[in-house]
Amino acid sequence: MLSVDFPKLIQALVQPLVKEPSAVTVTERDTNRYHEYVLDVAPQDVGRVIGRQGHVASALRSVVEGARNKRINAKKIRLVINDHRH
């Protein structure tokens, strides 16, 4: 089975949503339970990525988690959106 490049997948999903696609960065880090991907966008684009009541963020998380190979006993994928507004 093909392995998925999650940072590239996340960037491909997020860049069309924001006004400054060059500011989109994805940082990978591992914890005991998760493979975490931290998404950073320009401060004025945070609302576009989160969406009203978090609908866009929820959809992004669903797509990223769905791309994971569930047959391998691997860690879950976690997408963290870095909110610079707070």
PDB file of N, CA and C in Angstrom:
ATOM      1  N   MET A   1       0.840  -1.180   0.000  1.00  0.00           N
ATOM      2  CA  MET A   1       0.000   0.000   0.000  1.00  0.00           C
ATOM      3  C   MET A   1       0.881   1.238   0.000  1.00  0.00           C
ATOM      4  N   LEU A   2       0.425   2.271  -0.664  1.00  0.00           N
ATOM      5  CA  LEU A   2       1.193   3.502  -0.753  1.00  0.00           C
ATOM      6  C   LEU A   2       1.163   4.257   0.556  1.00  0.00           C
ATOM      7  N   SER A   3       2.282   4.875   0.866  1.00  0.00           N
ATOM      8  CA  SER A   3       2.320   5.700   2.070  1.00  0.00           C
ATOM      9  C   SER A   3       1.960   7.133   1.690  1.00  0.00           C
ATOM     10  N   VAL A   4       1.291   7.807   2.589  1.00  0.00           N
ATOM     11  CA  VAL A   4       0.785   9.155   2.326  1.00  0.00           C
ATOM     12  C   VAL A   4       1.749  10.175   2.922  1.00  0.00           C
ATOM     13  N   ASP A   5       2.069  11.202   2.154  1.00  0.00           N
ATOM     14  CA  ASP A   5       2.866  12.321   2.652  1.00  0.00           C
ATOM     15  C   ASP A   5       1.889  13.332   3.238  1.00  0.00           C
ATOM     16  N   PHE A   6       1.651  13.222   4.552  1.00  0.00           N
ATOM     17  CA  PHE A   6       0.617  14.027   5.210  1.00  0.00           C
ATOM     18  C   PHE A   6       0.872  15.529   5.148  1.00  0.00           C
ATOM     19  N   PRO A   7       2.111  16.012   5.339  1.00  0.00           N
ATOM     20  CA  PRO A   7       2.309  17.459   5.214  1.00  0.00           C
ATOM     21  C   PRO A   7       1.918  18.002   3.834  1.00  0.00           C
ATOM     22  N   LYS A   8       2.254  17.267   2.783  1.00  0.00           N
ATOM     23  CA  LYS A   8       1.875  17.718   1.433  1.00  0.00           C
ATOM     24  C   LYS A   8       0.367  17.646   1.239  1.00  0.00           C
ATOM     25  N   LEU A   9      -0.268  16.615   1.781  1.00  0.00           N
ATOM     26  CA  LEU A   9      -1.723  16.489   1.689  1.00  0.00           C
ATOM     27  C   LEU A   9      -2.401  17.664   2.385  1.00  0.00           C
ATOM     28  N   ILE A  10      -1.948  17.993   3.583  1.00  0.00           N
ATOM     29  CA  ILE A  10      -2.547  19.098   4.337  1.00  0.00           C
ATOM     30  C   ILE A  10      -2.346  20.415   3.599  1.00  0.00           C
ATOM     31  N   GLN A  11      -1.143  20.641   3.074  1.00  0.00           N
ATOM     32  CA  GLN A  11      -0.893  21.870   2.322  1.00  0.00           C
ATOM     33  C   GLN A  11      -1.773  21.946   1.080  1.00  0.00           C
ATOM     34  N   ALA A  12      -1.948  20.835   0.387  1.00  0.00           N
ATOM     35  CA  ALA A  12      -2.782  20.826  -0.817  1.00  0.00           C
ATOM     36  C   ALA A  12      -4.242  21.119  -0.491  1.00  0.00           C
ATOM     37  N   LEU A  13      -4.699  20.700   0.675  1.00  0.00           N
ATOM     38  CA  LEU A  13      -6.078  20.967   1.079  1.00  0.00           C
ATOM     39  C   LEU A  13      -6.277  22.406   1.552  1.00  0.00           C
ATOM     40  N   VAL A  14      -5.269  22.969   2.216  1.00  0.00           N
ATOM     41  CA  VAL A  14      -5.427  24.275   2.853  1.00  0.00           C
ATOM     42  C   VAL A  14      -5.098  25.445   1.925  1.00  0.00           C
ATOM     43  N   GLN A  15      -4.115  25.304   1.056  1.00  0.00           N
ATOM     44  CA  GLN A  15      -3.681  26.431   0.232  1.00  0.00           C
ATOM     45  C   GLN A  15      -4.791  27.061  -0.617  1.00  0.00           C
ATOM     46  N   PRO A  16      -5.722  26.307  -1.187  1.00  0.00           N
ATOM     47  CA  PRO A  16      -6.808  26.963  -1.935  1.00  0.00           C
ATOM     48  C   PRO A  16      -7.789  27.740  -1.054  1.00  0.00           C
ATOM     49  N   LEU A  17      -7.783  27.487   0.248  1.00  0.00           N
ATOM     50  CA  LEU A  17      -8.726  28.142   1.157  1.00  0.00           C
ATOM     51  C   LEU A  17      -8.262  29.514   1.630  1.00  0.00           C
ATOM     52  N   VAL A  18      -6.964  29.766   1.595  1.00  0.00           N
ATOM     53  CA  VAL A  18      -6.414  30.964   2.229  1.00  0.00           C
ATOM     54  C   VAL A  18      -6.025  32.018   1.192  1.00  0.00           C
ATOM     55  N   LYS A  19      -5.863  33.257   1.670  1.00  0.00           N
ATOM     56  CA  LYS A  19      -5.454  34.355   0.793  1.00  0.00           C
ATOM     57  C   LYS A  19      -3.942  34.391   0.596  1.00  0.00           C
ATOM     58  N   GLU A  20      -3.196  33.882   1.565  1.00  0.00           N
ATOM     59  CA  GLU A  20      -1.734  33.839   1.470  1.00  0.00           C
ATOM     60  C   GLU A  20      -1.255  32.389   1.492  1.00  0.00           C
ATOM     61  N   PRO A  21      -1.315  31.690   0.355  1.00  0.00           N
ATOM     62  CA  PRO A  21      -0.910  30.276   0.337  1.00  0.00           C
ATOM     63  C   PRO A  21       0.575  30.053   0.637  1.00  0.00           C
ATOM     64  N   SER A  22       1.403  31.066   0.406  1.00  0.00           N
ATOM     65  CA  SER A  22       2.833  30.895   0.680  1.00  0.00           C
ATOM     66  C   SER A  22       3.129  30.863   2.182  1.00  0.00           C
ATOM     67  N   ALA A  23       2.196  31.318   3.001  1.00  0.00           N
ATOM     68  CA  ALA A  23       2.393  31.331   4.457  1.00  0.00           C
ATOM     69  C   ALA A  23       1.994  30.019   5.123  1.00  0.00           C
ATOM     70  N   VAL A  24       1.466  29.068   4.365  1.00  0.00           N
ATOM     71  CA  VAL A  24       1.016  27.795   4.938  1.00  0.00           C
ATOM     72  C   VAL A  24       2.232  26.904   5.207  1.00  0.00           C
ATOM     73  N   THR A  25       2.385  26.499   6.471  1.00  0.00           N
ATOM     74  CA  THR A  25       3.445  25.558   6.828  1.00  0.00           C
ATOM     75  C   THR A  25       2.856  24.453   7.700  1.00  0.00           C
ATOM     76  N   VAL A  26       3.405  23.269   7.560  1.00  0.00           N
ATOM     77  CA  VAL A  26       2.972  22.118   8.357  1.00  0.00           C
ATOM     78  C   VAL A  26       4.205  21.535   9.028  1.00  0.00           C
ATOM     79  N   THR A  27       4.136  21.418  10.352  1.00  0.00           N
ATOM     80  CA  THR A  27       5.232  20.871  11.140  1.00  0.00           C
ATOM     81  C   THR A  27       4.775  19.549  11.743  1.00  0.00           C
ATOM     82  N   GLU A  28       5.635  18.564  11.655  1.00  0.00           N
ATOM     83  CA  GLU A  28       5.295  17.227  12.164  1.00  0.00           C
ATOM     84  C   GLU A  28       5.984  16.997  13.500  1.00  0.00           C
ATOM     85  N   ARG A  29       5.238  16.389  14.439  1.00  0.00           N
ATOM     86  CA  ARG A  29       5.829  15.981  15.715  1.00  0.00           C
ATOM     87  C   ARG A  29       5.102  14.736  16.206  1.00  0.00           C
ATOM     88  N   ASP A  30       5.847  13.891  16.902  1.00  0.00           N
ATOM     89  CA  ASP A  30       5.277  12.647  17.421  1.00  0.00           C
ATOM     90  C   ASP A  30       5.112  12.725  18.925  1.00  0.00           C
ATOM     91  N   THR A  31       3.986  12.204  19.401  1.00  0.00           N
ATOM     92  CA  THR A  31       3.763  12.044  20.829  1.00  0.00           C
ATOM     93  C   THR A  31       3.579  10.546  21.074  1.00  0.00           C
ATOM     94  N   ASN A  32       3.296  10.185  22.303  1.00  0.00           N
ATOM     95  CA  ASN A  32       3.095   8.767  22.614  1.00  0.00           C
ATOM     96  C   ASN A  32       1.870   8.194  21.917  1.00  0.00           C
ATOM     97  N   ARG A  33       0.837   9.015  21.732  1.00  0.00           N
ATOM     98  CA  ARG A  33      -0.424   8.520  21.176  1.00  0.00           C
ATOM     99  C   ARG A  33      -0.685   8.931  19.737  1.00  0.00           C
ATOM    100  N   TYR A  34      -0.079  10.031  19.282  1.00  0.00           N
ATOM    101  CA  TYR A  34      -0.451  10.597  17.989  1.00  0.00           C
ATOM    102  C   TYR A  34       0.756  10.962  17.138  1.00  0.00           C
ATOM    103  N   HIS A  35       0.521  10.987  15.824  1.00  0.00           N
ATOM    104  CA  HIS A  35       1.376  11.703  14.883  1.00  0.00           C
ATOM    105  C   HIS A  35       0.692  13.050  14.732  1.00  0.00           C
ATOM    106  N   GLU A  36       1.288  14.101  15.256  1.00  0.00           N
ATOM    107  CA  GLU A  36       0.660  15.422  15.214  1.00  0.00           C
ATOM    108  C   GLU A  36       1.230  16.229  14.057  1.00  0.00           C
ATOM    109  N   TYR A  37       0.349  16.938  13.383  1.00  0.00           N
ATOM    110  CA  TYR A  37       0.728  17.856  12.329  1.00  0.00           C
ATOM    111  C   TYR A  37       0.186  19.221  12.725  1.00  0.00           C
ATOM    112  N   VAL A  38       1.095  20.182  12.916  1.00  0.00           N
ATOM    113  CA  VAL A  38       0.724  21.521  13.348  1.00  0.00           C
ATOM    114  C   VAL A  38       0.663  22.406  12.110  1.00  0.00           C
ATOM    115  N   LEU A  39      -0.501  22.982  11.875  1.00  0.00           N
ATOM    116  CA  LEU A  39      -0.747  23.823  10.709  1.00  0.00           C
ATOM    117  C   LEU A  39      -0.630  25.283  11.111  1.00  0.00           C
ATOM    118  N   ASP A  40       0.240  26.011  10.428  1.00  0.00           N
ATOM    119  CA  ASP A  40       0.388  27.450  10.632  1.00  0.00           C
ATOM    120  C   ASP A  40      -0.011  28.167   9.351  1.00  0.00           C
ATOM    121  N   VAL A  41      -0.847  29.174   9.489  1.00  0.00           N
ATOM    122  CA  VAL A  41      -1.242  30.026   8.368  1.00  0.00           C
ATOM    123  C   VAL A  41      -1.075  31.473   8.806  1.00  0.00           C
ATOM    124  N   ALA A  42      -1.239  32.398   7.862  1.00  0.00           N
ATOM    125  CA  ALA A  42      -1.169  33.818   8.198  1.00  0.00           C
ATOM    126  C   ALA A  42      -2.292  34.142   9.187  1.00  0.00           C
ATOM    127  N   PRO A  43      -2.053  35.079  10.108  1.00  0.00           N
ATOM    128  CA  PRO A  43      -3.070  35.392  11.130  1.00  0.00           C
ATOM    129  C   PRO A  43      -4.442  35.752  10.553  1.00  0.00           C
ATOM    130  N   GLN A  44      -4.491  36.431   9.421  1.00  0.00           N
ATOM    131  CA  GLN A  44      -5.786  36.798   8.850  1.00  0.00           C
ATOM    132  C   GLN A  44      -6.484  35.614   8.174  1.00  0.00           C
ATOM    133  N   ASP A  45      -5.789  34.495   7.996  1.00  0.00           N
ATOM    134  CA  ASP A  45      -6.379  33.322   7.343  1.00  0.00           C
ATOM    135  C   ASP A  45      -6.847  32.255   8.326  1.00  0.00           C
ATOM    136  N   VAL A  46      -6.615  32.440   9.608  1.00  0.00           N
ATOM    137  CA  VAL A  46      -6.986  31.427  10.600  1.00  0.00           C
ATOM    138  C   VAL A  46      -8.491  31.155  10.562  1.00  0.00           C
ATOM    139  N   GLY A  47      -9.276  32.195  10.464  1.00  0.00           N
ATOM    140  CA  GLY A  47     -10.732  32.032  10.414  1.00  0.00           C
ATOM    141  C   GLY A  47     -11.193  31.260   9.196  1.00  0.00           C
ATOM    142  N   ARG A  48     -10.503  31.420   8.078  1.00  0.00           N
ATOM    143  CA  ARG A  48     -10.860  30.678   6.863  1.00  0.00           C
ATOM    144  C   ARG A  48     -10.598  29.180   7.029  1.00  0.00           C
ATOM    145  N   VAL A  49      -9.537  28.848   7.747  1.00  0.00           N
ATOM    146  CA  VAL A  49      -9.179  27.436   7.932  1.00  0.00           C
ATOM    147  C   VAL A  49     -10.065  26.780   8.982  1.00  0.00           C
ATOM    148  N   ILE A  50     -10.458  27.536  10.001  1.00  0.00           N
ATOM    149  CA  ILE A  50     -11.317  26.966  11.039  1.00  0.00           C
ATOM    150  C   ILE A  50     -12.767  26.915  10.557  1.00  0.00           C
ATOM    151  N   GLY A  51     -13.230  27.967   9.924  1.00  0.00           N
ATOM    152  CA  GLY A  51     -14.599  27.997   9.406  1.00  0.00           C
ATOM    153  C   GLY A  51     -15.609  28.310  10.496  1.00  0.00           C
ATOM    154  N   ARG A  52     -16.834  28.535  10.056  1.00  0.00           N
ATOM    155  CA  ARG A  52     -17.898  28.829  11.019  1.00  0.00           C
ATOM    156  C   ARG A  52     -18.188  27.599  11.862  1.00  0.00           C
ATOM    157  N   GLN A  53     -18.152  27.795  13.156  1.00  0.00           N
ATOM    158  CA  GLN A  53     -18.384  26.734  14.136  1.00  0.00           C
ATOM    159  C   GLN A  53     -17.445  25.546  13.941  1.00  0.00           C
ATOM    160  N   GLY A  54     -16.287  25.776  13.311  1.00  0.00           N
ATOM    161  CA  GLY A  54     -15.279  24.735  13.155  1.00  0.00           C
ATOM    162  C   GLY A  54     -15.569  23.712  12.078  1.00  0.00           C
ATOM    163  N   HIS A  55     -16.480  24.003  11.168  1.00  0.00           N
ATOM    164  CA  HIS A  55     -16.856  23.020  10.146  1.00  0.00           C
ATOM    165  C   HIS A  55     -15.712  22.717   9.180  1.00  0.00           C
ATOM    166  N   VAL A  56     -14.970  23.726   8.765  1.00  0.00           N
ATOM    167  CA  VAL A  56     -13.862  23.499   7.826  1.00  0.00           C
ATOM    168  C   VAL A  56     -12.761  22.696   8.512  1.00  0.00           C
ATOM    169  N   ALA A  57     -12.425  23.065   9.749  1.00  0.00           N
ATOM    170  CA  ALA A  57     -11.394  22.333  10.495  1.00  0.00           C
ATOM    171  C   ALA A  57     -11.799  20.874  10.695  1.00  0.00           C
ATOM    172  N   SER A  58     -13.052  20.645  10.997  1.00  0.00           N
ATOM    173  CA  SER A  58     -13.546  19.277  11.183  1.00  0.00           C
ATOM    174  C   SER A  58     -13.438  18.473   9.890  1.00  0.00           C
ATOM    175  N   ALA A  59     -13.774  19.098   8.778  1.00  0.00           N
ATOM    176  CA  ALA A  59     -13.680  18.414   7.484  1.00  0.00           C
ATOM    177  C   ALA A  59     -12.223  18.101   7.146  1.00  0.00           C
ATOM    178  N   LEU A  60     -11.320  19.036   7.405  1.00  0.00           N
ATOM    179  CA  LEU A  60      -9.897  18.791   7.155  1.00  0.00           C
ATOM    180  C   LEU A  60      -9.399  17.622   7.998  1.00  0.00           C
ATOM    181  N   ARG A  61      -9.782  17.601   9.259  1.00  0.00           N
ATOM    182  CA  ARG A  61      -9.360  16.506  10.145  1.00  0.00           C
ATOM    183  C   ARG A  61      -9.913  15.164   9.674  1.00  0.00           C
ATOM    184  N   SER A  62     -11.139  15.153   9.183  1.00  0.00           N
ATOM    185  CA  SER A  62     -11.745  13.907   8.687  1.00  0.00           C
ATOM    186  C   SER A  62     -10.994  13.373   7.470  1.00  0.00           C
ATOM    187  N   VAL A  63     -10.637  14.253   6.552  1.00  0.00           N
ATOM    188  CA  VAL A  63      -9.921  13.826   5.341  1.00  0.00           C
ATOM    189  C   VAL A  63      -8.534  13.309   5.696  1.00  0.00           C
ATOM    190  N   VAL A  64      -7.834  14.016   6.568  1.00  0.00           N
ATOM    191  CA  VAL A  64      -6.479  13.610   6.948  1.00  0.00           C
ATOM    192  C   VAL A  64      -6.509  12.282   7.691  1.00  0.00           C
ATOM    193  N   GLU A  65      -7.421  12.117   8.628  1.00  0.00           N
ATOM    194  CA  GLU A  65      -7.532  10.849   9.363  1.00  0.00           C
ATOM    195  C   GLU A  65      -7.950   9.719   8.428  1.00  0.00           C
ATOM    196  N   GLY A  66      -8.792  10.007   7.450  1.00  0.00           N
ATOM    197  CA  GLY A  66      -9.237   8.994   6.500  1.00  0.00           C
ATOM    198  C   GLY A  66      -8.133   8.501   5.582  1.00  0.00           C
ATOM    199  N   ALA A  67      -7.080   9.293   5.392  1.00  0.00           N
ATOM    200  CA  ALA A  67      -5.967   8.900   4.528  1.00  0.00           C
ATOM    201  C   ALA A  67      -4.991   7.959   5.226  1.00  0.00           C
ATOM    202  N   ARG A  68      -5.150   7.807   6.523  1.00  0.00           N
ATOM    203  CA  ARG A  68      -4.252   6.941   7.310  1.00  0.00           C
ATOM    204  C   ARG A  68      -4.543   5.473   6.999  1.00  0.00           C
ATOM    205  N   ASN A  69      -3.493   4.652   6.957  1.00  0.00           N
ATOM    206  CA  ASN A  69      -3.644   3.222   6.735  1.00  0.00           C
ATOM    207  C   ASN A  69      -4.049   2.571   8.055  1.00  0.00           C
ATOM    208  N   LYS A  70      -5.288   2.137   8.135  1.00  0.00           N
ATOM    209  CA  LYS A  70      -5.807   1.585   9.382  1.00  0.00           C
ATOM    210  C   LYS A  70      -5.432   0.122   9.592  1.00  0.00           C
ATOM    211  N   ARG A  71      -4.931  -0.516   8.574  1.00  0.00           N
ATOM    212  CA  ARG A  71      -4.540  -1.930   8.718  1.00  0.00           C
ATOM    213  C   ARG A  71      -3.267  -2.074   9.540  1.00  0.00           C
ATOM    214  N   ILE A  72      -2.434  -1.076   9.478  1.00  0.00           N
ATOM    215  CA  ILE A  72      -1.214  -1.090  10.276  1.00  0.00           C
ATOM    216  C   ILE A  72      -1.581  -0.567  11.655  1.00  0.00           C
ATOM    217  N   ASN A  73      -1.093  -1.227  12.689  1.00  0.00           N
ATOM    218  CA  ASN A  73      -1.382  -0.785  14.052  1.00  0.00           C
ATOM    219  C   ASN A  73      -0.532   0.457  14.338  1.00  0.00           C
ATOM    220  N   ALA A  74      -0.968   1.571  13.766  1.00  0.00           N
ATOM    221  CA  ALA A  74      -0.200   2.808  13.868  1.00  0.00           C
ATOM    222  C   ALA A  74      -0.905   3.801  14.779  1.00  0.00           C
ATOM    223  N   LYS A  75      -0.185   4.848  15.096  1.00  0.00           N
ATOM    224  CA  LYS A  75      -0.760   5.920  15.901  1.00  0.00           C
ATOM    225  C   LYS A  75      -1.807   6.670  15.090  1.00  0.00           C
ATOM    226  N   LYS A  76      -2.713   7.312  15.790  1.00  0.00           N
ATOM    227  CA  LYS A  76      -3.710   8.130  15.122  1.00  0.00           C
ATOM    228  C   LYS A  76      -3.077   9.430  14.648  1.00  0.00           C
ATOM    229  N   ILE A  77      -3.718  10.047  13.678  1.00  0.00           N
ATOM    230  CA  ILE A  77      -3.271  11.321  13.126  1.00  0.00           C
ATOM    231  C   ILE A  77      -4.035  12.433  13.835  1.00  0.00           C
ATOM    232  N   ARG A  78      -3.334  13.490  14.189  1.00  0.00           N
ATOM    233  CA  ARG A  78      -3.967  14.627  14.851  1.00  0.00           C
ATOM    234  C   ARG A  78      -3.541  15.902  14.125  1.00  0.00           C
ATOM    235  N   LEU A  79      -4.496  16.684  13.677  1.00  0.00           N
ATOM    236  CA  LEU A  79      -4.238  17.955  13.005  1.00  0.00           C
ATOM    237  C   LEU A  79      -4.506  19.084  13.983  1.00  0.00           C
ATOM    238  N   VAL A  80      -3.479  19.871  14.279  1.00  0.00           N
ATOM    239  CA  VAL A  80      -3.582  20.992  15.205  1.00  0.00           C
ATOM    240  C   VAL A  80      -3.446  22.277  14.397  1.00  0.00           C
ATOM    241  N   ILE A  81      -4.441  23.156  14.516  1.00  0.00           N
ATOM    242  CA  ILE A  81      -4.384  24.437  13.814  1.00  0.00           C
ATOM    243  C   ILE A  81      -3.889  25.477  14.810  1.00  0.00           C
ATOM    244  N   ASN A  82      -2.743  26.067  14.509  1.00  0.00           N
ATOM    245  CA  ASN A  82      -2.133  27.046  15.398  1.00  0.00           C
ATOM    246  C   ASN A  82      -2.866  28.374  15.235  1.00  0.00           C
ATOM    247  N   ASP A  83      -3.578  28.779  16.275  1.00  0.00           N
ATOM    248  CA  ASP A  83      -4.390  29.996  16.240  1.00  0.00           C
ATOM    249  C   ASP A  83      -3.582  31.151  16.823  1.00  0.00           C
ATOM    250  N   HIS A  84      -3.107  32.032  15.953  1.00  0.00           N
ATOM    251  CA  HIS A  84      -2.268  33.148  16.380  1.00  0.00           C
ATOM    252  C   HIS A  84      -3.074  34.284  17.005  1.00  0.00           C
ATOM    253  N   ARG A  85      -4.388  34.195  16.956  1.00  0.00           N
ATOM    254  CA  ARG A  85      -5.221  35.285  17.436  1.00  0.00           C
ATOM    255  C   ARG A  85      -5.298  35.339  18.952  1.00  0.00           C
ATOM    256  N   HIS A  86      -5.008  34.234  19.629  1.00  0.00           N
ATOM    257  CA  HIS A  86      -5.137  34.198  21.099  1.00  0.00           C
ATOM    258  C   HIS A  86      -3.796  34.162  21.770  1.00  0.00           C
TER     259      HIS A  86
END
